[in-house]
């Protein structure tokens, strides 16, 4: 998933922000608990106001993520 997400991050630079939570990092535990984050990959898409739009657990192809970003930005 990392190459897919990093590729989208490059493509959407300046239009979307990407944040990464490492499941092994105890400093991110409060965020993981709040989001219901269980294992990698677990992706969340938020709008500009911080509202959860969509989430995916497990592998997601780049085309699906690209479309979700496009839909969220329109």
Protein backbone atom coordinates (compact mmCIF):
# COMPACT_ATOMS: atom_id res chain seq x y z
CA UNK A 1 0.00 0.00 0.00
CA UNK A 2 2.85 2.42 0.75
CA UNK A 3 3.82 3.00 -2.91
CA UNK A 4 0.17 3.58 -3.84
CA UNK A 5 -0.46 6.03 -1.02
CA UNK A 6 2.84 7.87 -1.50
CA UNK A 7 2.11 8.17 -5.23
CA UNK A 8 -1.28 9.71 -4.48
CA UNK A 9 0.31 12.00 -1.91
CA UNK A 10 2.66 13.32 -4.60
CA UNK A 11 -0.18 13.69 -7.09
CA UNK A 12 -2.46 15.50 -4.62
CA UNK A 13 0.23 17.70 -3.07
CA UNK A 14 -1.27 21.03 -2.07
CA UNK A 15 -4.84 19.76 -2.43
CA UNK A 16 -4.92 17.03 0.23
CA UNK A 17 -2.95 16.28 3.38
CA UNK A 18 -1.75 12.80 4.25
CA UNK A 19 -1.04 11.66 7.81
CA UNK A 20 0.40 8.33 8.86
CA UNK A 21 -0.21 6.43 12.09
CA UNK A 22 2.21 3.64 12.83
CA UNK A 23 0.42 0.83 14.63
CA UNK A 24 3.61 0.11 16.61
CA UNK A 25 4.09 3.69 17.83
CA UNK A 26 2.61 4.13 21.33
CA UNK A 27 2.47 7.92 20.85
CA UNK A 28 -0.32 7.44 18.30
CA UNK A 29 -2.43 5.22 20.58
CA UNK A 30 -5.01 7.93 21.42
CA UNK A 31 -5.62 8.58 17.71
CA UNK A 32 -5.81 4.87 16.91
CA UNK A 33 -8.34 4.31 19.71
CA UNK A 34 -10.46 7.26 18.64
CA UNK A 35 -10.53 6.11 15.02
CA UNK A 36 -10.99 2.42 15.75
CA UNK A 37 -7.68 1.69 14.03
CA UNK A 38 -6.89 -2.00 14.31
CA UNK A 39 -4.24 -3.03 11.80
CA UNK A 40 -2.38 -1.90 8.74
CA UNK A 41 -3.48 -0.93 6.22
CA UNK A 42 -6.42 1.00 7.61
CA UNK A 43 -7.10 4.16 5.61
CA UNK A 44 -9.35 7.06 6.56
CA UNK A 45 -10.58 9.89 4.33
CA UNK A 46 -11.65 13.09 6.07
CA UNK A 47 -13.12 16.27 4.63
CA UNK A 48 -11.59 19.70 5.25
CA UNK A 49 -13.56 20.02 8.49
CA UNK A 50 -12.25 16.77 9.96
CA UNK A 51 -15.40 14.74 9.30
CA UNK A 52 -14.83 11.10 8.37
CA UNK A 53 -16.04 10.51 4.82
CA UNK A 54 -14.88 6.95 4.25
CA UNK A 55 -12.52 4.28 5.50
CA UNK A 56 -10.95 1.13 4.13
CA UNK A 57 -9.47 -1.83 6.00
CA UNK A 58 -7.02 -3.95 4.03
CA UNK A 59 -5.61 -3.44 0.56
CA UNK A 60 -7.24 -0.79 -1.64
CA UNK A 61 -6.21 -0.23 -5.22
CA UNK A 62 -4.91 3.17 -6.25
CA UNK A 63 -7.75 3.81 -8.67
CA UNK A 64 -10.33 3.45 -5.88
CA UNK A 65 -8.43 5.86 -3.65
CA UNK A 66 -7.89 8.30 -6.52
CA UNK A 67 -11.63 8.34 -7.24
CA UNK A 68 -12.48 8.83 -3.57
CA UNK A 69 -10.12 11.82 -3.38
CA UNK A 70 -11.60 13.26 -6.57
CA UNK A 71 -15.16 12.80 -5.28
CA UNK A 72 -14.28 14.38 -1.93
CA UNK A 73 -12.69 17.40 -3.58
CA UNK A 74 -15.66 18.22 -5.81
